[in-house]
């Protein structure tokens, strides 16, 4: 647009760390009636094709054949009824078990789910920023996400596991690495906490106020 670079500032979306705070896994699972004996994969976002849900279901099916104790939970709005209907038919036809759908939730309830999950999966084909990934980091839950858009930046430096978009095998391996490696989980949680701190809502607001002051 021919604007002087010195006049441009970039502020990212911030995470409300007063709401998205870590809760011990066992306690969080109890709050949302999840079994502590099982591993729980979580997706949060609009239930649309561009979010990579077909690849997620296929990857989950492969994992389910190997790990009988895993469950998949999807929280979000039905923005493409035709697509979701086809996805549900696929799940039923292929007899893929332990997949649970939930409507959108308020932030306080979502924060509990993010703490309860063993991994947040974000298999988008495209993504602007990926706020749910940052919210999961703030709740100390490992994130597996596509190497696209803002997720590439957000999950860099060991803050998450980046996988290839539209790639079922890559997604499967990424999820499996988190399920099988406690040391990797701890590493991701530590780096994710640093990202969450740097992108806290308070810091982003302070940065915006400083811009206004300079103007």
N, C-alpha and C. Protein backbone atom coordinates (compact mmCIF):
# COMPACT_ATOMS: atom_id res chain seq x y z
N UNK A 1 0.80 -1.21 0.00
CA UNK A 1 0.00 0.00 0.00
C UNK A 1 0.84 1.27 0.00
N UNK A 2 2.15 1.15 -0.13
CA UNK A 2 3.02 2.31 -0.17
C UNK A 2 3.12 3.05 1.15
N UNK A 3 2.93 2.35 2.26
CA UNK A 3 3.01 2.97 3.59
C UNK A 3 4.39 2.76 4.18
N UNK A 4 4.93 3.79 4.82
CA UNK A 4 6.23 3.70 5.47
C UNK A 4 6.20 2.59 6.52
N UNK A 5 7.19 1.67 6.45
CA UNK A 5 7.23 0.55 7.40
C UNK A 5 7.31 1.02 8.85
N UNK A 6 7.89 2.19 9.08
CA UNK A 6 8.00 2.71 10.44
C UNK A 6 6.64 3.08 11.04
N UNK A 7 5.65 3.18 10.17
CA UNK A 7 4.31 3.52 10.66
C UNK A 7 3.44 2.28 10.88
N UNK A 8 4.02 1.11 10.70
CA UNK A 8 3.25 -0.13 10.82
C UNK A 8 3.65 -0.90 12.07
N UNK A 9 2.67 -1.29 12.85
CA UNK A 9 2.89 -2.14 14.03
C UNK A 9 1.97 -3.34 13.92
N UNK A 10 2.46 -4.49 14.38
CA UNK A 10 1.67 -5.72 14.33
C UNK A 10 1.36 -6.18 15.75
N UNK A 11 0.08 -6.27 16.04
CA UNK A 11 -0.36 -6.82 17.33
C UNK A 11 -1.16 -8.10 17.06
N UNK A 12 -0.80 -9.15 17.78
CA UNK A 12 -1.52 -10.41 17.62
C UNK A 12 -2.70 -10.48 18.58
N UNK A 13 -3.56 -11.46 18.36
CA UNK A 13 -4.64 -11.70 19.31
C UNK A 13 -4.03 -12.19 20.62
N UNK A 14 -4.61 -11.79 21.73
CA UNK A 14 -4.08 -12.18 23.03
C UNK A 14 -4.95 -13.21 23.71
N UNK A 15 -4.34 -13.97 24.63
CA UNK A 15 -5.08 -14.97 25.40
C UNK A 15 -5.36 -14.41 26.79
N UNK A 16 -6.59 -14.56 27.25
CA UNK A 16 -6.99 -14.10 28.57
C UNK A 16 -6.53 -15.13 29.60
N UNK A 17 -5.42 -14.83 30.25
CA UNK A 17 -4.82 -15.81 31.16
C UNK A 17 -5.53 -15.85 32.52
N UNK A 18 -6.49 -14.98 32.72
CA UNK A 18 -7.31 -15.07 33.93
C UNK A 18 -8.36 -16.17 33.77
N UNK A 19 -8.71 -16.46 32.51
CA UNK A 19 -9.69 -17.52 32.23
C UNK A 19 -8.99 -18.81 31.82
N UNK A 20 -8.04 -18.69 30.89
CA UNK A 20 -7.35 -19.88 30.39
C UNK A 20 -6.11 -20.16 31.24
N UNK A 21 -6.38 -20.79 32.39
CA UNK A 21 -5.32 -21.13 33.34
C UNK A 21 -5.27 -22.65 33.48
N UNK A 22 -4.09 -23.21 33.73
CA UNK A 22 -3.98 -24.67 33.83
C UNK A 22 -4.68 -25.23 35.06
N UNK A 23 -5.37 -26.33 34.85
CA UNK A 23 -5.99 -27.11 35.92
C UNK A 23 -5.38 -28.51 35.84
N UNK A 24 -5.04 -29.13 36.97
CA UNK A 24 -4.51 -30.51 36.91
C UNK A 24 -5.40 -31.40 36.06
N UNK A 25 -4.79 -32.21 35.20
CA UNK A 25 -5.53 -33.02 34.23
C UNK A 25 -6.65 -33.84 34.88
N UNK A 26 -6.31 -34.53 35.96
CA UNK A 26 -7.30 -35.41 36.60
C UNK A 26 -8.49 -34.61 37.08
N UNK A 27 -8.24 -33.44 37.67
CA UNK A 27 -9.31 -32.58 38.16
C UNK A 27 -10.16 -32.05 37.01
N UNK A 28 -9.49 -31.60 35.95
CA UNK A 28 -10.21 -31.05 34.80
C UNK A 28 -11.07 -32.12 34.13
N UNK A 29 -10.53 -33.32 33.99
CA UNK A 29 -11.30 -34.41 33.37
C UNK A 29 -12.54 -34.73 34.20
N UNK A 30 -12.39 -34.70 35.50
CA UNK A 30 -13.52 -34.97 36.38
C UNK A 30 -14.62 -33.92 36.20
N UNK A 31 -14.21 -32.66 36.00
CA UNK A 31 -15.17 -31.56 35.85
C UNK A 31 -16.03 -31.70 34.59
N UNK A 32 -15.47 -32.33 33.55
CA UNK A 32 -16.23 -32.49 32.29
C UNK A 32 -16.58 -33.95 32.02
N UNK A 33 -16.52 -34.75 33.10
CA UNK A 33 -16.95 -36.16 33.04
C UNK A 33 -16.19 -37.00 32.02
N UNK A 34 -14.88 -36.82 31.99
CA UNK A 34 -14.02 -37.65 31.15
C UNK A 34 -13.26 -38.64 32.00
N UNK A 35 -13.08 -39.85 31.49
CA UNK A 35 -12.35 -40.87 32.23
C UNK A 35 -10.86 -40.54 32.26
N UNK A 36 -10.28 -40.62 33.44
CA UNK A 36 -8.85 -40.35 33.59
C UNK A 36 -8.01 -41.49 33.01
N UNK A 37 -8.62 -42.64 32.79
CA UNK A 37 -7.90 -43.80 32.27
C UNK A 37 -7.71 -43.72 30.76
N UNK A 38 -8.47 -42.86 30.10
CA UNK A 38 -8.40 -42.73 28.64
C UNK A 38 -7.59 -41.51 28.24
N UNK A 39 -7.17 -41.49 26.98
CA UNK A 39 -6.50 -40.33 26.39
C UNK A 39 -7.52 -39.59 25.53
N UNK A 40 -7.55 -38.27 25.67
CA UNK A 40 -8.58 -37.48 25.01
C UNK A 40 -7.98 -36.47 24.04
N UNK A 41 -8.35 -36.62 22.76
CA UNK A 41 -7.94 -35.68 21.71
C UNK A 41 -9.05 -34.65 21.57
N UNK A 42 -8.67 -33.38 21.42
CA UNK A 42 -9.66 -32.32 21.34
C UNK A 42 -9.44 -31.45 20.11
N UNK A 43 -10.54 -31.14 19.43
CA UNK A 43 -10.55 -30.14 18.36
C UNK A 43 -11.50 -29.03 18.77
N UNK A 44 -11.09 -27.77 18.57
CA UNK A 44 -11.96 -26.63 18.85
C UNK A 44 -11.97 -25.71 17.63
N UNK A 45 -13.14 -25.43 17.10
CA UNK A 45 -13.25 -24.55 15.93
C UNK A 45 -14.51 -24.83 15.16
N UNK A 46 -14.76 -24.05 14.13
CA UNK A 46 -15.93 -24.28 13.28
C UNK A 46 -15.82 -25.64 12.60
N UNK A 47 -16.93 -26.33 12.51
CA UNK A 47 -16.94 -27.68 11.92
C UNK A 47 -17.10 -27.57 10.41
N UNK A 48 -15.98 -27.23 9.75
CA UNK A 48 -15.97 -27.02 8.31
C UNK A 48 -14.81 -27.79 7.69
N UNK A 49 -14.90 -28.01 6.40
CA UNK A 49 -13.89 -28.80 5.68
C UNK A 49 -12.49 -28.19 5.78
N UNK A 50 -12.41 -26.84 5.73
CA UNK A 50 -11.11 -26.16 5.73
C UNK A 50 -10.34 -26.34 7.03
N UNK A 51 -11.02 -26.82 8.06
CA UNK A 51 -10.34 -27.07 9.34
C UNK A 51 -9.64 -28.43 9.37
N UNK A 52 -9.73 -29.17 8.28
CA UNK A 52 -9.02 -30.45 8.20
C UNK A 52 -9.68 -31.58 8.96
N UNK A 53 -11.00 -31.52 9.10
CA UNK A 53 -11.69 -32.53 9.91
C UNK A 53 -11.72 -33.91 9.25
N UNK A 54 -11.73 -33.95 7.93
CA UNK A 54 -11.68 -35.25 7.26
C UNK A 54 -10.36 -35.95 7.56
N UNK A 55 -9.28 -35.20 7.48
CA UNK A 55 -7.96 -35.78 7.79
C UNK A 55 -7.88 -36.19 9.27
N UNK A 56 -8.50 -35.39 10.12
CA UNK A 56 -8.49 -35.70 11.55
C UNK A 56 -9.23 -37.02 11.83
N UNK A 57 -10.39 -37.20 11.20
CA UNK A 57 -11.15 -38.44 11.39
C UNK A 57 -10.36 -39.64 10.87
N UNK A 58 -9.72 -39.48 9.70
CA UNK A 58 -8.93 -40.58 9.13
C UNK A 58 -7.72 -40.92 10.00
N UNK A 59 -7.05 -39.88 10.51
CA UNK A 59 -5.90 -40.11 11.38
C UNK A 59 -6.33 -40.76 12.69
N UNK A 60 -7.46 -40.29 13.21
CA UNK A 60 -7.98 -40.87 14.45
C UNK A 60 -8.34 -42.34 14.27
N UNK A 61 -8.94 -42.67 13.11
CA UNK A 61 -9.30 -44.06 12.84
C UNK A 61 -8.06 -44.97 12.88
N UNK A 62 -6.97 -44.49 12.27
CA UNK A 62 -5.73 -45.27 12.28
C UNK A 62 -5.20 -45.43 13.70
N UNK A 63 -5.27 -44.35 14.47
CA UNK A 63 -4.80 -44.41 15.86
C UNK A 63 -5.69 -45.31 16.71
N UNK A 64 -6.99 -45.26 16.46
CA UNK A 64 -7.95 -46.05 17.22
C UNK A 64 -7.70 -47.54 17.04
N UNK A 65 -7.23 -47.93 15.85
CA UNK A 65 -6.91 -49.33 15.60
C UNK A 65 -5.75 -49.80 16.46
N UNK A 66 -4.93 -48.85 16.91
CA UNK A 66 -3.73 -49.17 17.69
C UNK A 66 -3.91 -48.89 19.17
N UNK A 67 -4.66 -47.82 19.47
CA UNK A 67 -4.87 -47.42 20.86
C UNK A 67 -6.37 -47.42 21.16
N UNK A 68 -6.84 -48.43 21.85
CA UNK A 68 -8.28 -48.55 22.10
C UNK A 68 -8.78 -47.56 23.14
N UNK A 69 -7.87 -46.94 23.89
CA UNK A 69 -8.29 -46.08 25.00
C UNK A 69 -8.36 -44.59 24.63
N UNK A 70 -8.33 -44.27 23.33
CA UNK A 70 -8.39 -42.86 22.95
C UNK A 70 -9.81 -42.46 22.55
N UNK A 71 -10.13 -41.20 22.83
CA UNK A 71 -11.41 -40.62 22.45
C UNK A 71 -11.14 -39.30 21.73
N UNK A 72 -12.05 -38.95 20.81
CA UNK A 72 -11.93 -37.70 20.07
C UNK A 72 -13.14 -36.82 20.38
N UNK A 73 -12.87 -35.57 20.77
CA UNK A 73 -13.93 -34.63 21.10
C UNK A 73 -13.82 -33.41 20.18
N UNK A 74 -14.94 -33.01 19.59
CA UNK A 74 -14.95 -31.86 18.69
C UNK A 74 -15.95 -30.83 19.21
N UNK A 75 -15.45 -29.63 19.47
CA UNK A 75 -16.28 -28.54 19.97
C UNK A 75 -16.34 -27.44 18.92
N UNK A 76 -17.55 -27.10 18.48
CA UNK A 76 -17.65 -26.02 17.49
C UNK A 76 -19.00 -25.91 16.85
N UNK A 77 -19.16 -24.86 16.07
CA UNK A 77 -20.43 -24.57 15.41
C UNK A 77 -20.51 -25.27 14.05
N UNK A 78 -21.68 -25.74 13.71
CA UNK A 78 -21.93 -26.39 12.43
C UNK A 78 -22.14 -25.33 11.36
N UNK A 79 -21.05 -24.92 10.72
CA UNK A 79 -21.10 -23.86 9.71
C UNK A 79 -21.29 -24.40 8.30
N UNK A 80 -21.10 -25.71 8.12
CA UNK A 80 -21.31 -26.34 6.81
C UNK A 80 -22.12 -27.62 7.01
N UNK A 81 -23.45 -27.48 7.13
CA UNK A 81 -24.29 -28.65 7.44
C UNK A 81 -24.10 -29.82 6.49
N UNK A 82 -23.95 -29.53 5.20
CA UNK A 82 -23.76 -30.61 4.23
C UNK A 82 -22.48 -31.38 4.48
N UNK A 83 -21.41 -30.64 4.75
CA UNK A 83 -20.13 -31.28 5.03
C UNK A 83 -20.20 -32.12 6.29
N UNK A 84 -20.76 -31.55 7.36
CA UNK A 84 -20.82 -32.26 8.64
C UNK A 84 -21.69 -33.50 8.54
N UNK A 85 -22.78 -33.39 7.78
CA UNK A 85 -23.65 -34.56 7.57
C UNK A 85 -22.88 -35.69 6.90
N UNK A 86 -22.08 -35.34 5.89
CA UNK A 86 -21.27 -36.34 5.21
C UNK A 86 -20.22 -36.94 6.12
N UNK A 87 -19.66 -36.10 6.99
CA UNK A 87 -18.65 -36.57 7.94
C UNK A 87 -19.26 -37.56 8.94
N UNK A 88 -20.46 -37.23 9.41
CA UNK A 88 -21.15 -38.12 10.35
C UNK A 88 -21.48 -39.46 9.69
N UNK A 89 -21.87 -39.41 8.42
CA UNK A 89 -22.16 -40.65 7.69
C UNK A 89 -20.90 -41.50 7.55
N UNK A 90 -19.78 -40.84 7.30
CA UNK A 90 -18.51 -41.55 7.18
C UNK A 90 -18.16 -42.25 8.49
N UNK A 91 -18.33 -41.53 9.59
CA UNK A 91 -18.03 -42.09 10.92
C UNK A 91 -18.89 -43.31 11.20
N UNK A 92 -20.17 -43.19 10.86
CA UNK A 92 -21.10 -44.30 11.10
C UNK A 92 -20.81 -45.47 10.17
N UNK A 93 -20.58 -45.17 8.89
CA UNK A 93 -20.35 -46.23 7.90
C UNK A 93 -19.08 -47.02 8.22
N UNK A 94 -18.04 -46.31 8.65
CA UNK A 94 -16.76 -46.97 8.93
C UNK A 94 -16.65 -47.43 10.38
N UNK A 95 -17.75 -47.24 11.13
CA UNK A 95 -17.84 -47.72 12.51
C UNK A 95 -16.67 -47.21 13.37
N UNK A 96 -16.41 -45.91 13.28
CA UNK A 96 -15.35 -45.30 14.07
C UNK A 96 -15.95 -44.88 15.41
N UNK A 97 -15.47 -45.45 16.48
CA UNK A 97 -16.10 -45.27 17.78
C UNK A 97 -15.45 -44.18 18.62
N UNK A 98 -16.17 -43.76 19.65
CA UNK A 98 -15.69 -42.82 20.67
C UNK A 98 -15.35 -41.44 20.09
N UNK A 99 -16.21 -40.98 19.17
CA UNK A 99 -16.11 -39.60 18.66
C UNK A 99 -17.31 -38.82 19.19
N UNK A 100 -17.05 -37.68 19.81
CA UNK A 100 -18.10 -36.93 20.49
C UNK A 100 -18.13 -35.49 19.97
N UNK A 101 -19.33 -34.99 19.65
CA UNK A 101 -19.51 -33.62 19.16
C UNK A 101 -20.22 -32.78 20.21
N UNK A 102 -19.78 -31.51 20.33
CA UNK A 102 -20.38 -30.59 21.30
C UNK A 102 -20.59 -29.23 20.63
N UNK A 103 -21.63 -28.51 21.04
CA UNK A 103 -21.84 -27.15 20.50
C UNK A 103 -20.81 -26.18 21.09
N UNK A 104 -20.72 -24.97 20.53
CA UNK A 104 -19.79 -23.97 21.08
C UNK A 104 -20.06 -23.72 22.56
N UNK A 105 -18.99 -23.39 23.28
CA UNK A 105 -19.08 -23.17 24.73
C UNK A 105 -18.57 -21.79 25.09
N UNK A 106 -18.93 -21.31 26.28
CA UNK A 106 -18.36 -20.05 26.74
C UNK A 106 -16.91 -20.29 27.15
N UNK A 107 -16.16 -19.22 27.32
CA UNK A 107 -14.72 -19.33 27.54
C UNK A 107 -14.38 -20.11 28.82
N UNK A 108 -15.13 -19.91 29.88
CA UNK A 108 -14.82 -20.58 31.14
C UNK A 108 -14.95 -22.09 31.01
N UNK A 109 -16.01 -22.54 30.32
CA UNK A 109 -16.19 -23.98 30.13
C UNK A 109 -15.14 -24.53 29.16
N UNK A 110 -14.84 -23.76 28.12
CA UNK A 110 -13.84 -24.20 27.15
C UNK A 110 -12.47 -24.34 27.80
N UNK A 111 -12.16 -23.45 28.73
CA UNK A 111 -10.87 -23.50 29.43
C UNK A 111 -10.72 -24.81 30.21
N UNK A 112 -11.81 -25.29 30.78
CA UNK A 112 -11.75 -26.57 31.50
C UNK A 112 -11.48 -27.71 30.53
N UNK A 113 -12.16 -27.68 29.38
CA UNK A 113 -11.94 -28.72 28.37
C UNK A 113 -10.50 -28.70 27.85
N UNK A 114 -9.96 -27.52 27.66
CA UNK A 114 -8.58 -27.43 27.17
C UNK A 114 -7.60 -27.98 28.18
N UNK A 115 -7.87 -27.79 29.47
CA UNK A 115 -7.01 -28.36 30.50
C UNK A 115 -7.19 -29.88 30.59
N UNK A 116 -8.40 -30.34 30.33
CA UNK A 116 -8.69 -31.77 30.44
C UNK A 116 -8.10 -32.58 29.29
N UNK A 117 -7.98 -31.97 28.12
CA UNK A 117 -7.51 -32.69 26.93
C UNK A 117 -6.04 -33.10 27.09
N UNK A 118 -5.70 -34.25 26.51
CA UNK A 118 -4.30 -34.69 26.50
C UNK A 118 -3.55 -34.06 25.34
N UNK A 119 -4.28 -33.67 24.30
CA UNK A 119 -3.67 -32.97 23.16
C UNK A 119 -4.76 -32.21 22.40
N UNK A 120 -4.46 -30.99 22.01
CA UNK A 120 -5.34 -30.23 21.12
C UNK A 120 -4.84 -30.44 19.70
N UNK A 121 -5.73 -30.81 18.80
CA UNK A 121 -5.37 -31.07 17.41
C UNK A 121 -5.96 -29.98 16.54
N UNK A 122 -5.10 -29.36 15.70
CA UNK A 122 -5.50 -28.20 14.88
C UNK A 122 -5.05 -28.46 13.44
N UNK A 123 -5.78 -29.33 12.69
CA UNK A 123 -5.31 -29.78 11.37
C UNK A 123 -5.77 -28.91 10.21
N UNK A 124 -5.86 -27.60 10.40
CA UNK A 124 -6.42 -26.69 9.40
C UNK A 124 -5.66 -26.72 8.07
N UNK A 125 -6.39 -26.47 6.99
CA UNK A 125 -5.77 -26.29 5.67
C UNK A 125 -5.21 -24.87 5.55
N UNK A 126 -5.82 -23.92 6.28
CA UNK A 126 -5.37 -22.53 6.32
C UNK A 126 -5.78 -21.97 7.68
N UNK A 127 -5.02 -21.02 8.17
CA UNK A 127 -5.34 -20.47 9.49
C UNK A 127 -4.72 -19.10 9.63
N UNK A 128 -5.51 -18.13 10.11
CA UNK A 128 -4.98 -16.79 10.30
C UNK A 128 -4.03 -16.70 11.47
N UNK A 129 -4.51 -17.07 12.65
CA UNK A 129 -3.67 -17.01 13.84
C UNK A 129 -3.74 -18.31 14.63
N UNK A 130 -4.93 -18.79 14.93
CA UNK A 130 -5.07 -20.03 15.69
C UNK A 130 -5.16 -19.78 17.18
N UNK A 131 -6.12 -18.95 17.59
CA UNK A 131 -6.23 -18.55 18.99
C UNK A 131 -6.45 -19.75 19.91
N UNK A 132 -7.22 -20.74 19.46
CA UNK A 132 -7.48 -21.91 20.31
C UNK A 132 -6.18 -22.64 20.67
N UNK A 133 -5.22 -22.63 19.76
CA UNK A 133 -3.92 -23.24 20.05
C UNK A 133 -3.22 -22.49 21.17
N UNK A 134 -3.27 -21.17 21.13
CA UNK A 134 -2.66 -20.35 22.17
C UNK A 134 -3.38 -20.56 23.50
N UNK A 135 -4.70 -20.68 23.46
CA UNK A 135 -5.47 -20.92 24.68
C UNK A 135 -5.12 -22.28 25.28
N UNK A 136 -4.87 -23.28 24.42
CA UNK A 136 -4.46 -24.60 24.92
C UNK A 136 -3.08 -24.51 25.59
N UNK A 137 -2.15 -23.78 24.97
CA UNK A 137 -0.83 -23.58 25.58
C UNK A 137 -0.97 -22.94 26.95
N UNK A 138 -1.87 -21.96 27.06
CA UNK A 138 -2.09 -21.26 28.31
C UNK A 138 -2.64 -22.20 29.39
N UNK A 139 -3.30 -23.29 28.95
CA UNK A 139 -3.84 -24.29 29.87
C UNK A 139 -2.88 -25.47 30.04
N UNK A 140 -1.68 -25.36 29.49
CA UNK A 140 -0.63 -26.40 29.60
C UNK A 140 -1.03 -27.71 28.93
N UNK A 141 -1.66 -27.59 27.76
CA UNK A 141 -1.99 -28.77 26.96
C UNK A 141 -1.21 -28.74 25.65
N UNK A 142 -0.52 -29.83 25.31
CA UNK A 142 0.26 -29.88 24.06
C UNK A 142 -0.62 -29.68 22.83
N UNK A 143 -0.05 -29.08 21.80
CA UNK A 143 -0.79 -28.79 20.57
C UNK A 143 -0.11 -29.44 19.37
N UNK A 144 -0.91 -30.08 18.52
CA UNK A 144 -0.46 -30.59 17.23
C UNK A 144 -1.23 -29.82 16.17
N UNK A 145 -0.52 -29.12 15.28
CA UNK A 145 -1.21 -28.30 14.30
C UNK A 145 -0.53 -28.28 12.95
N UNK A 146 -1.29 -27.89 11.94
CA UNK A 146 -0.77 -27.82 10.57
C UNK A 146 0.24 -26.69 10.42
N UNK A 147 1.20 -26.94 9.56
CA UNK A 147 2.24 -25.95 9.28
C UNK A 147 1.73 -24.96 8.23
N UNK A 148 0.74 -24.16 8.64
CA UNK A 148 0.13 -23.17 7.75
C UNK A 148 -0.12 -21.88 8.52
N UNK A 149 -0.12 -20.76 7.78
CA UNK A 149 -0.53 -19.47 8.33
C UNK A 149 0.08 -19.14 9.68
N UNK A 150 -0.77 -18.62 10.56
CA UNK A 150 -0.31 -18.22 11.88
C UNK A 150 0.15 -19.38 12.74
N UNK A 151 -0.35 -20.59 12.46
CA UNK A 151 0.06 -21.76 13.25
C UNK A 151 1.55 -22.05 13.06
N UNK A 152 2.06 -21.82 11.86
CA UNK A 152 3.49 -22.04 11.61
C UNK A 152 4.34 -21.21 12.56
N UNK A 153 3.90 -19.99 12.79
CA UNK A 153 4.62 -19.07 13.68
C UNK A 153 4.33 -19.38 15.13
N UNK A 154 3.07 -19.63 15.44
CA UNK A 154 2.65 -19.84 16.83
C UNK A 154 3.24 -21.12 17.43
N UNK A 155 3.35 -22.18 16.62
CA UNK A 155 3.83 -23.46 17.14
C UNK A 155 5.33 -23.66 16.91
N UNK A 156 6.01 -22.62 16.44
CA UNK A 156 7.45 -22.73 16.20
C UNK A 156 8.21 -22.72 17.53
N UNK A 157 9.52 -22.97 17.45
CA UNK A 157 10.40 -22.95 18.63
C UNK A 157 9.97 -23.94 19.70
N UNK A 158 9.43 -25.08 19.27
CA UNK A 158 9.09 -26.13 20.23
C UNK A 158 7.84 -25.87 21.03
N UNK A 159 7.00 -24.92 20.59
CA UNK A 159 5.76 -24.63 21.32
C UNK A 159 4.65 -25.61 20.96
N UNK A 160 4.84 -26.35 19.87
CA UNK A 160 3.86 -27.34 19.44
C UNK A 160 4.48 -28.26 18.41
N UNK A 161 3.72 -29.25 17.97
CA UNK A 161 4.17 -30.18 16.94
C UNK A 161 3.53 -29.76 15.62
N UNK A 162 4.35 -29.37 14.65
CA UNK A 162 3.85 -28.97 13.34
C UNK A 162 3.80 -30.18 12.40
N UNK A 163 2.67 -30.32 11.69
CA UNK A 163 2.49 -31.42 10.75
C UNK A 163 2.09 -30.85 9.40
N UNK A 164 2.23 -31.65 8.36
CA UNK A 164 1.89 -31.20 7.02
C UNK A 164 0.37 -31.15 6.85
N UNK A 165 -0.16 -30.08 6.27
CA UNK A 165 -1.61 -30.00 6.04
C UNK A 165 -2.06 -31.01 4.99
N UNK A 166 -3.31 -31.42 5.07
CA UNK A 166 -3.88 -32.39 4.11
C UNK A 166 -3.10 -33.70 4.06
N UNK A 167 -2.48 -34.07 5.17
CA UNK A 167 -1.63 -35.26 5.18
C UNK A 167 -2.00 -36.11 6.40
N UNK A 168 -2.77 -37.17 6.17
CA UNK A 168 -3.27 -38.01 7.26
C UNK A 168 -2.13 -38.67 8.03
N UNK A 169 -1.15 -39.19 7.30
CA UNK A 169 -0.04 -39.90 7.96
C UNK A 169 0.79 -38.96 8.82
N UNK A 170 1.06 -37.75 8.33
CA UNK A 170 1.81 -36.77 9.11
C UNK A 170 1.04 -36.38 10.37
N UNK A 171 -0.27 -36.20 10.23
CA UNK A 171 -1.10 -35.85 11.37
C UNK A 171 -1.11 -36.98 12.40
N UNK A 172 -1.26 -38.20 11.92
CA UNK A 172 -1.25 -39.37 12.80
C UNK A 172 0.06 -39.44 13.60
N UNK A 173 1.18 -39.29 12.91
CA UNK A 173 2.48 -39.37 13.58
C UNK A 173 2.65 -38.25 14.61
N UNK A 174 2.16 -37.06 14.26
CA UNK A 174 2.27 -35.93 15.18
C UNK A 174 1.50 -36.18 16.46
N UNK A 175 0.26 -36.67 16.33
CA UNK A 175 -0.56 -36.97 17.51
C UNK A 175 0.07 -38.09 18.32
N UNK A 176 0.54 -39.12 17.61
CA UNK A 176 1.12 -40.28 18.28
C UNK A 176 2.37 -39.91 19.07
N UNK A 177 3.15 -38.97 18.54
CA UNK A 177 4.37 -38.56 19.25
C UNK A 177 4.04 -37.94 20.60
N UNK A 178 2.93 -37.21 20.66
CA UNK A 178 2.51 -36.60 21.93
C UNK A 178 1.95 -37.66 22.88
N UNK A 179 1.19 -38.59 22.35
CA UNK A 179 0.59 -39.63 23.19
C UNK A 179 1.63 -40.54 23.81
N UNK A 180 2.75 -40.73 23.11
CA UNK A 180 3.74 -41.74 23.55
C UNK A 180 4.96 -41.18 24.27
N UNK A 181 5.13 -39.89 24.30
CA UNK A 181 6.39 -39.33 24.81
C UNK A 181 6.14 -38.27 25.88
N UNK A 182 6.13 -38.67 27.16
CA UNK A 182 5.90 -37.71 28.25
C UNK A 182 6.93 -36.58 28.27
N UNK A 183 8.18 -36.89 27.90
CA UNK A 183 9.21 -35.84 27.91
C UNK A 183 8.92 -34.79 26.85
N UNK A 184 8.44 -35.23 25.68
CA UNK A 184 8.05 -34.29 24.63
C UNK A 184 6.90 -33.42 25.12
N UNK A 185 5.93 -34.04 25.79
CA UNK A 185 4.78 -33.27 26.32
C UNK A 185 5.26 -32.18 27.27
N UNK A 186 6.17 -32.53 28.17
CA UNK A 186 6.68 -31.54 29.13
C UNK A 186 7.42 -30.42 28.41
N UNK A 187 8.15 -30.78 27.38
CA UNK A 187 8.90 -29.80 26.58
C UNK A 187 7.94 -28.83 25.89
N UNK A 188 6.86 -29.39 25.30
CA UNK A 188 5.87 -28.57 24.62
C UNK A 188 5.13 -27.66 25.59
N UNK A 189 4.81 -28.19 26.76
CA UNK A 189 4.10 -27.40 27.77
C UNK A 189 4.95 -26.24 28.24
N UNK A 190 6.25 -26.50 28.47
CA UNK A 190 7.16 -25.45 28.93
C UNK A 190 7.28 -24.33 27.90
N UNK A 191 7.49 -24.71 26.64
CA UNK A 191 7.62 -23.70 25.58
C UNK A 191 6.28 -23.02 25.27
N UNK A 192 5.20 -23.79 25.39
CA UNK A 192 3.88 -23.22 25.18
C UNK A 192 3.53 -22.18 26.23
N UNK A 193 3.97 -22.42 27.46
CA UNK A 193 3.75 -21.45 28.53
C UNK A 193 4.47 -20.14 28.23
N UNK A 194 5.67 -20.22 27.69
CA UNK A 194 6.41 -19.01 27.32
C UNK A 194 5.68 -18.24 26.22
N UNK A 195 5.14 -18.96 25.24
CA UNK A 195 4.38 -18.30 24.17
C UNK A 195 3.12 -17.64 24.75
N UNK A 196 2.45 -18.36 25.63
CA UNK A 196 1.23 -17.81 26.22
C UNK A 196 1.52 -16.55 27.03
N UNK A 197 2.64 -16.55 27.73
CA UNK A 197 3.03 -15.37 28.50
C UNK A 197 3.28 -14.18 27.58
N UNK A 198 3.98 -14.43 26.47
CA UNK A 198 4.34 -13.34 25.57
C UNK A 198 3.13 -12.81 24.80
N UNK A 199 2.10 -13.66 24.65
CA UNK A 199 0.90 -13.24 23.93
C UNK A 199 -0.30 -13.08 24.86
N UNK A 200 -0.05 -12.76 26.11
CA UNK A 200 -1.18 -12.56 27.02
C UNK A 200 -1.98 -11.34 26.57
N UNK A 201 -3.26 -11.36 26.87
CA UNK A 201 -4.15 -10.26 26.48
C UNK A 201 -3.67 -8.94 27.09
N UNK A 202 -3.21 -8.99 28.34
CA UNK A 202 -2.74 -7.78 29.01
C UNK A 202 -1.57 -7.15 28.26
N UNK A 203 -0.63 -7.98 27.82
CA UNK A 203 0.54 -7.47 27.10
C UNK A 203 0.14 -6.87 25.76
N UNK A 204 -0.77 -7.53 25.07
CA UNK A 204 -1.21 -7.02 23.77
C UNK A 204 -1.93 -5.68 23.91
N UNK A 205 -2.73 -5.55 24.96
CA UNK A 205 -3.43 -4.29 25.21
C UNK A 205 -2.43 -3.18 25.55
N UNK A 206 -1.43 -3.52 26.38
CA UNK A 206 -0.41 -2.54 26.74
C UNK A 206 0.34 -2.05 25.50
N UNK A 207 0.65 -2.99 24.59
CA UNK A 207 1.35 -2.61 23.36
C UNK A 207 0.50 -1.68 22.51
N UNK A 208 -0.80 -1.94 22.46
CA UNK A 208 -1.70 -1.09 21.68
C UNK A 208 -1.79 0.31 22.29
N UNK A 209 -1.84 0.37 23.61
CA UNK A 209 -1.90 1.66 24.29
C UNK A 209 -0.63 2.49 24.01
N UNK A 210 0.52 1.80 23.99
CA UNK A 210 1.78 2.50 23.70
C UNK A 210 1.76 3.08 22.30
N UNK A 211 1.15 2.37 21.35
CA UNK A 211 1.05 2.89 19.99
C UNK A 211 0.20 4.16 19.98
N UNK A 212 -0.91 4.13 20.69
CA UNK A 212 -1.77 5.31 20.77
C UNK A 212 -1.03 6.48 21.41
N UNK A 213 -0.24 6.20 22.43
CA UNK A 213 0.51 7.26 23.11
C UNK A 213 1.51 7.92 22.15
N UNK A 214 2.17 7.12 21.33
CA UNK A 214 3.16 7.66 20.38
C UNK A 214 2.46 8.51 19.34
N UNK A 215 1.28 8.12 18.93
CA UNK A 215 0.54 8.91 17.94
C UNK A 215 0.13 10.25 18.54
